[in-house]
Amino acid sequence: MASSSRVGDESSLLDLTEKVAVVTGANSGIGLYILFHVARAGAKIYLGARTEDKFNGAITRLKTEGLDTSRVVWLPFDLSDPRKAKESAKWLLEREKRLDILINNAAKILGPYAQTPDGLSDSMVINHMSPYLFTKTLLPLLESTARQPGSDVRIVNVSSVAHRWVPNPRYDSLEAFNNDFADTWKAKTNLYGYTKLANVLWTKELQRSFDRANIPILAMTVHPGSVMSEGNVKLFKSLMFGTIINWLFSLFFISPFDGGYTPAWAAASKAVAEDRKKYAGAYLVPFGVIEEASEDARREDLAKDLLTTTDAVLKQYDYA
């Protein structure tokens, strides 16, 4: 049952005492426990959250789990506008001289299609464009850290098995980015999967760019598992016979604690350090297993379309 399973072997993680990490969307759900697992290994961690109240709420919950939160720092973080994401990155650059781990976890899950004030799909902005610009702005710091002796720099992008379910994905235009999938069955799921496919494509292209430039950084994507998150609980309870449905799913879904483990494992495990080439650009599923991503996720042409359009849109709207 989700409520009884508690994975997480501290001995499988590196000693991160001298390391600096960032976990976005870490004030609740999976993100809270990603941070928990990484923090147990000793890292100084920036907890990305929109408000200080959300940060303080997360600190209270982490303390109830027995975590020493003295090295957990609030990172003001908002993905709703790429400009805000870039400002968060610049804020961090002013305060740190190294960054060893970046875990992009924050995301919009299932919800109705909506547009930002600039007329862009908010799902694509929150789940892809803002994390992309946030990471791009931090790359000089990540690279300089990676060049230091004894460093092991990793970028982990939290994706989803939903990346496999997208019908005929295209990323070659702003129109494609704004696809609401209204003419498809399960439009909300397809929209979410479309953004999560973008995460895998971007990560694999990011790793290829590191390899070409001989930059010793690992980039990986992770499906954290089918998690009984707070969002899923609310969703199931809102349905007809919701209490029963919620109970049934709780038998098969894993807990947020367990869901947070695989992203943390990707970011900090000894196994990855011992065989970096094996994990470069990998797609991981619970609990640290490499799985082949979808056929679309392995298309380099699709990845190139994605990044070309992303850069063009960021420039067009003066985000970059």
Protein backbone atom coordinates (compact mmCIF):
# COMPACT_ATOMS: atom_id res chain seq x y z
CA MET A 1 0.00 0.00 0.00
CA ALA A 2 1.10 3.53 -0.66
CA SER A 3 0.86 4.50 2.97
CA SER A 4 3.07 1.67 4.25
CA SER A 5 5.95 1.72 1.75
CA ARG A 6 8.98 3.78 2.76
CA VAL A 7 11.96 3.39 0.43
CA GLY A 8 15.15 5.33 0.84
CA ASP A 9 18.52 3.89 1.75
CA GLU A 10 20.83 6.69 2.86
CA SER A 11 23.86 4.48 2.23
CA SER A 12 23.10 4.49 -1.51
CA LEU A 13 23.63 8.26 -1.69
CA LEU A 14 26.88 10.21 -1.80
CA ASP A 15 28.02 12.44 1.04
CA LEU A 16 26.81 15.86 -0.12
CA THR A 17 28.08 17.86 2.84
CA GLU A 18 30.08 20.30 0.70
CA LYS A 19 27.52 20.41 -2.13
CA VAL A 20 24.84 22.92 -3.11
CA ALA A 21 21.53 21.81 -4.60
CA VAL A 22 18.30 23.35 -5.91
CA VAL A 23 14.94 21.60 -5.87
CA THR A 24 12.04 23.48 -7.45
CA GLY A 25 8.42 22.97 -6.45
CA ALA A 26 9.68 21.54 -3.18
CA ASN A 27 7.12 22.97 -0.77
CA SER A 28 4.70 20.03 -1.12
CA GLY A 29 4.07 16.65 -2.71
CA ILE A 30 6.88 14.80 -4.45
CA GLY A 31 9.14 17.84 -4.40
CA LEU A 32 9.08 18.02 -0.61
CA TYR A 33 10.38 14.47 -0.39
CA ILE A 34 12.92 14.87 -3.19
CA LEU A 35 14.38 17.61 -1.04
CA PHE A 36 14.11 15.45 2.07
CA HIS A 37 16.13 12.60 0.54
CA VAL A 38 18.83 14.92 -0.85
CA ALA A 39 19.05 16.92 2.38
CA ARG A 40 19.61 13.75 4.39
CA ALA A 41 22.85 13.35 2.45
CA GLY A 42 24.06 16.69 3.83
CA ALA A 43 23.65 19.16 0.97
CA LYS A 44 22.84 22.82 1.34
CA ILE A 45 19.52 23.05 -0.51
CA TYR A 46 17.56 25.89 -2.02
CA LEU A 47 13.85 25.14 -1.80
CA GLY A 48 12.09 26.74 -4.75
CA ALA A 49 8.65 28.02 -3.75
CA ARG A 50 6.49 30.98 -4.78
CA THR A 51 6.09 32.52 -1.34
CA GLU A 52 7.87 32.54 1.99
CA ASP A 53 4.69 31.24 3.63
CA LYS A 54 4.87 28.14 1.41
CA PHE A 55 8.54 27.77 2.29
CA ASN A 56 7.81 28.03 6.02
CA GLY A 57 5.02 25.47 5.70
CA ALA A 58 7.44 23.09 4.00
CA ILE A 59 10.03 23.60 6.74
CA THR A 60 7.45 22.70 9.37
CA ARG A 61 6.56 19.49 7.53
CA LEU A 62 10.21 18.55 6.99
CA LYS A 63 10.89 18.98 10.69
CA THR A 64 8.04 16.57 11.50
CA GLU A 65 9.90 14.03 9.32
CA GLY A 66 12.94 14.51 11.54
CA LEU A 67 15.01 16.51 9.05
CA ASP A 68 17.57 19.07 10.20
CA THR A 69 16.46 22.07 8.12
CA SER A 70 19.30 24.41 9.09
CA ARG A 71 20.78 24.16 5.57
CA VAL A 72 17.49 24.55 3.69
CA VAL A 73 17.13 28.03 2.16
CA TRP A 74 14.17 29.67 0.45
CA LEU A 75 14.57 30.36 -3.26
CA PRO A 76 11.81 32.74 -4.47
CA PHE A 77 10.56 30.85 -7.49
CA ASP A 78 7.67 31.27 -9.91
CA LEU A 79 7.36 29.49 -13.27
CA SER A 80 4.26 31.33 -14.46
CA ASP A 81 6.42 33.78 -16.41
CA PRO A 82 9.86 32.94 -17.88
CA ARG A 83 11.10 36.36 -16.80
CA LYS A 84 10.41 35.44 -13.17
CA ALA A 85 12.23 32.12 -13.62
CA LYS A 86 15.25 33.96 -15.01
CA GLU A 87 15.17 36.41 -12.10
CA SER A 88 15.22 33.46 -9.67
CA ALA A 89 18.30 32.09 -11.40
CA LYS A 90 20.03 35.48 -11.29
CA TRP A 91 19.13 35.79 -7.59
CA LEU A 92 20.89 32.48 -6.98
CA LEU A 93 23.92 33.44 -9.08
CA GLU A 94 24.43 36.45 -6.83
CA ARG A 95 24.58 34.24 -3.73
CA GLU A 96 26.42 31.06 -4.68
CA LYS A 97 29.81 30.22 -6.17
CA ARG A 98 28.90 26.62 -6.93
CA LEU A 99 25.88 24.52 -7.86
CA ASP A 100 26.19 20.74 -7.87
CA ILE A 101 22.61 19.55 -8.24
CA LEU A 102 19.63 21.06 -10.04
CA ILE A 103 16.32 19.22 -9.83
CA ASN A 104 13.57 20.75 -11.94
CA ASN A 105 10.46 19.33 -10.33
CA ALA A 106 7.90 22.16 -10.27
CA ALA A 107 5.10 21.68 -12.80
CA LYS A 108 1.46 22.16 -13.63
CA ILE A 109 -0.13 18.73 -13.51
CA LEU A 110 -3.59 18.09 -14.94
CA GLY A 111 -5.82 21.08 -15.43
CA PRO A 112 -7.84 22.95 -18.03
CA TYR A 113 -6.02 24.58 -20.91
CA ALA A 114 -5.23 28.21 -20.18
CA GLN A 115 -3.04 30.93 -21.60
CA THR A 116 -0.66 33.37 -19.98
CA PRO A 117 -1.23 37.14 -20.35
CA ASP A 118 1.13 36.94 -23.34
CA GLY A 119 -1.12 34.38 -25.04
CA LEU A 120 1.06 31.32 -24.49
CA SER A 121 -0.02 27.91 -23.22
CA ASP A 122 0.52 28.13 -19.49
CA SER A 123 1.30 24.41 -19.36
CA MET A 124 4.17 24.85 -21.81
CA VAL A 125 5.40 27.96 -20.01
CA ILE A 126 5.32 26.37 -16.54
CA ASN A 127 6.48 22.88 -17.50
CA HIS A 128 9.01 23.64 -20.23
CA MET A 129 9.89 27.22 -21.17
CA SER A 130 10.45 28.59 -17.66
CA PRO A 131 12.49 25.58 -16.44
CA TYR A 132 14.47 25.74 -19.69
CA LEU A 133 15.35 29.42 -19.19
CA PHE A 134 15.99 28.91 -15.46
CA THR A 135 18.45 26.13 -16.26
CA LYS A 136 20.05 27.99 -19.17
CA THR A 137 20.72 30.97 -16.91
CA LEU A 138 22.37 28.71 -14.33
CA LEU A 139 24.52 26.79 -16.83
CA PRO A 140 27.65 28.95 -16.37
CA LEU A 141 27.60 28.22 -12.62
CA LEU A 142 26.89 24.52 -13.18
CA GLU A 143 29.72 24.30 -15.72
CA SER A 144 32.25 26.12 -13.53
CA THR A 145 31.37 23.77 -10.68
CA ALA A 146 31.75 20.75 -12.95
CA ARG A 147 35.27 21.87 -13.88
CA GLN A 148 36.38 21.81 -10.24
CA PRO A 149 38.30 18.74 -9.00
CA GLY A 150 36.10 16.09 -7.43
CA SER A 151 32.85 17.57 -8.70
CA ASP A 152 29.85 15.52 -9.83
CA VAL A 153 27.31 17.92 -11.30
CA ARG A 154 23.87 16.61 -12.24
CA ILE A 155 20.67 18.05 -13.69
CA VAL A 156 17.52 16.03 -13.06
CA ASN A 157 14.31 16.93 -14.86
CA VAL A 158 11.18 15.31 -13.45
CA SER A 159 9.05 14.00 -16.31
CA SER A 160 6.27 11.41 -16.41
CA VAL A 161 5.17 8.19 -18.05
CA ALA A 162 2.55 10.44 -19.67
CA HIS A 163 5.23 11.45 -22.18
CA ARG A 164 4.45 8.15 -23.94
CA TRP A 165 0.82 8.97 -24.65
CA VAL A 166 1.03 12.07 -26.85
CA PRO A 167 -0.59 11.69 -30.30
CA ASN A 168 1.49 13.04 -33.20
CA PRO A 169 3.62 15.53 -31.24
CA ARG A 170 5.02 18.59 -33.01
CA TYR A 171 7.23 21.35 -31.65
CA ASP A 172 8.03 23.25 -34.83
CA SER A 173 6.00 26.42 -34.23
CA LEU A 174 4.32 28.62 -31.65
CA GLU A 175 1.02 27.22 -32.89
CA ALA A 176 2.23 23.74 -31.97
CA PHE A 177 3.31 24.96 -28.52
CA ASN A 178 -0.21 26.34 -28.00
CA ASN A 179 -1.97 23.10 -28.94
CA ASP A 180 -4.83 22.52 -26.48
CA PHE A 181 -5.49 18.96 -27.73
CA ALA A 182 -9.21 19.75 -27.57
CA ASP A 183 -9.86 17.52 -30.58
CA THR A 184 -8.37 14.48 -28.85
CA TRP A 185 -9.66 12.06 -26.25
CA LYS A 186 -8.26 12.89 -22.79
CA ALA A 187 -7.20 16.40 -23.78
CA LYS A 188 -5.84 17.27 -20.31
CA THR A 189 -3.71 14.13 -20.17
CA ASN A 190 -2.39 14.70 -23.68
CA LEU A 191 -1.52 18.32 -22.89
CA TYR A 192 0.35 17.29 -19.77
CA GLY A 193 2.11 14.48 -21.64
CA TYR A 194 3.11 16.91 -24.39
CA THR A 195 4.96 19.07 -21.85
CA LYS A 196 6.55 16.03 -20.21
CA LEU A 197 7.72 14.76 -23.61
CA ALA A 198 9.34 18.16 -24.04
CA ASN A 199 11.23 17.54 -20.78
CA VAL A 200 12.70 14.28 -22.07
CA LEU A 201 13.58 15.69 -25.49
CA TRP A 202 15.24 18.75 -23.96
CA THR A 203 17.20 16.68 -21.43
CA LYS A 204 18.58 14.32 -24.06
CA GLU A 205 19.60 17.25 -26.27
CA LEU A 206 21.15 18.95 -23.24
CA GLN A 207 23.27 15.86 -22.60
CA ARG A 208 24.32 15.71 -26.24
CA SER A 209 25.42 19.35 -26.04
CA PHE A 210 27.46 18.64 -22.89
CA ASP A 211 29.11 15.65 -24.56
CA ARG A 212 29.98 17.63 -27.69
CA ALA A 213 31.58 20.37 -25.60
CA ASN A 214 33.25 17.90 -23.22
CA ILE A 215 31.44 19.42 -20.24
CA PRO A 216 31.30 16.86 -17.38
CA ILE A 217 27.64 17.35 -16.43
CA LEU A 218 25.03 14.60 -16.34
CA ALA A 219 21.45 15.32 -17.39
CA MET A 220 18.69 12.80 -16.67
CA THR A 221 14.91 12.63 -16.69
CA VAL A 222 12.87 10.72 -14.14
CA HIS A 223 9.37 9.30 -13.96
CA PRO A 224 8.85 9.31 -10.17
CA GLY A 225 6.15 6.65 -10.32
CA SER A 226 2.39 6.66 -9.95
CA VAL A 227 2.24 8.75 -6.80
CA MET A 228 -0.66 9.28 -4.40
CA SER A 229 0.10 12.99 -4.34
CA GLU A 230 -2.07 15.66 -2.77
CA GLY A 231 -3.24 16.63 -6.24
CA ASN A 232 -4.27 13.09 -7.10
CA VAL A 233 -6.11 12.69 -3.81
CA LYS A 234 -8.12 15.85 -4.55
CA LEU A 235 -8.78 14.67 -8.10
CA PHE A 236 -10.00 11.22 -7.09
CA LYS A 237 -12.20 12.55 -4.29
CA SER A 238 -13.85 14.97 -6.70
CA LEU A 239 -15.13 12.10 -8.84
CA MET A 240 -18.37 10.17 -8.40
CA PHE A 241 -17.74 7.52 -5.73
CA GLY A 242 -14.56 9.49 -5.06
CA THR A 243 -13.89 8.08 -1.60
CA ILE A 244 -13.97 4.52 -2.92
CA ILE A 245 -11.88 5.42 -5.98
CA ASN A 246 -9.36 7.19 -3.77
CA TRP A 247 -9.06 4.11 -1.56
CA LEU A 248 -8.64 1.75 -4.53
CA PHE A 249 -5.90 3.84 -6.09
CA SER A 250 -4.12 4.13 -2.75
CA LEU A 251 -3.59 0.35 -2.89
CA PHE A 252 -1.51 0.62 -6.05
CA PHE A 253 0.01 4.11 -6.04
CA ILE A 254 3.19 4.87 -4.12
CA SER A 255 3.45 7.55 -1.44
CA PRO A 256 4.97 11.00 -2.05
CA PHE A 257 7.87 9.90 0.18
CA ASP A 258 8.59 7.01 -2.17
CA GLY A 259 7.87 9.16 -5.22
CA GLY A 260 10.57 11.58 -4.15
CA TYR A 261 13.22 8.90 -3.95
CA THR A 262 14.02 8.22 -7.62
CA PRO A 263 14.69 11.88 -8.55
CA ALA A 264 16.88 12.18 -5.44
CA TRP A 265 18.62 8.92 -6.33
CA ALA A 266 19.36 10.24 -9.83
CA ALA A 267 20.80 13.41 -8.31
CA ALA A 268 22.92 11.87 -5.58
CA SER A 269 23.40 8.11 -5.88
CA LYS A 270 26.76 6.40 -5.73
CA ALA A 271 25.72 4.08 -8.57
CA VAL A 272 25.47 7.00 -11.00
CA ALA A 273 28.87 8.31 -9.92
CA GLU A 274 30.41 4.90 -10.54
CA ASP A 275 29.11 4.64 -14.13
CA ARG A 276 28.41 8.14 -15.40
CA LYS A 277 28.41 7.15 -19.07
CA LYS A 278 25.63 4.65 -18.45
CA TYR A 279 23.34 7.30 -16.96
CA ALA A 280 24.15 10.21 -19.27
CA GLY A 281 20.85 11.38 -20.78
CA ALA A 282 19.03 8.42 -19.23
CA TYR A 283 15.32 8.13 -18.45
CA LEU A 284 14.81 6.57 -15.01
CA VAL A 285 11.83 4.95 -13.34
CA PRO A 286 11.41 3.73 -9.73
CA PHE A 287 13.64 3.05 -8.06
CA GLY A 288 16.68 4.06 -10.11
CA VAL A 289 16.01 1.75 -13.07
CA ILE A 290 16.98 2.86 -16.57
CA GLU A 291 14.11 2.47 -19.02
CA GLU A 292 13.99 3.35 -22.69
CA ALA A 293 11.94 6.49 -23.24
CA SER A 294 9.28 6.57 -25.94
CA GLU A 295 10.19 6.47 -29.62
CA ASP A 296 9.20 10.14 -29.97
CA ALA A 297 11.39 11.04 -26.98
CA ARG A 298 14.39 9.58 -28.83
CA ARG A 299 13.85 11.60 -32.01
CA GLU A 300 16.69 14.09 -32.43
CA ASP A 301 14.74 15.98 -35.11
CA LEU A 302 11.90 16.54 -32.65
CA ALA A 303 14.37 17.72 -30.00
CA LYS A 304 15.93 20.18 -32.43
CA ASP A 305 12.47 21.52 -33.38
CA LEU A 306 11.66 21.93 -29.69
CA LEU A 307 14.78 23.91 -28.86
CA THR A 308 14.67 26.03 -32.02
CA THR A 309 11.07 27.05 -31.30
CA THR A 310 11.76 27.53 -27.59
CA ASP A 311 14.64 29.91 -28.27
CA ALA A 312 12.60 31.76 -30.91
CA VAL A 313 9.60 32.23 -28.59
CA LEU A 314 11.80 33.36 -25.69
CA LYS A 315 13.39 35.93 -27.99
CA GLN A 316 10.07 37.00 -29.57
CA TYR A 317 8.54 37.79 -26.17
CA ASP A 318 11.75 39.30 -24.79
CA TYR A 319 12.05 36.64 -22.08
CA ALA A 320 15.64 35.56 -22.66
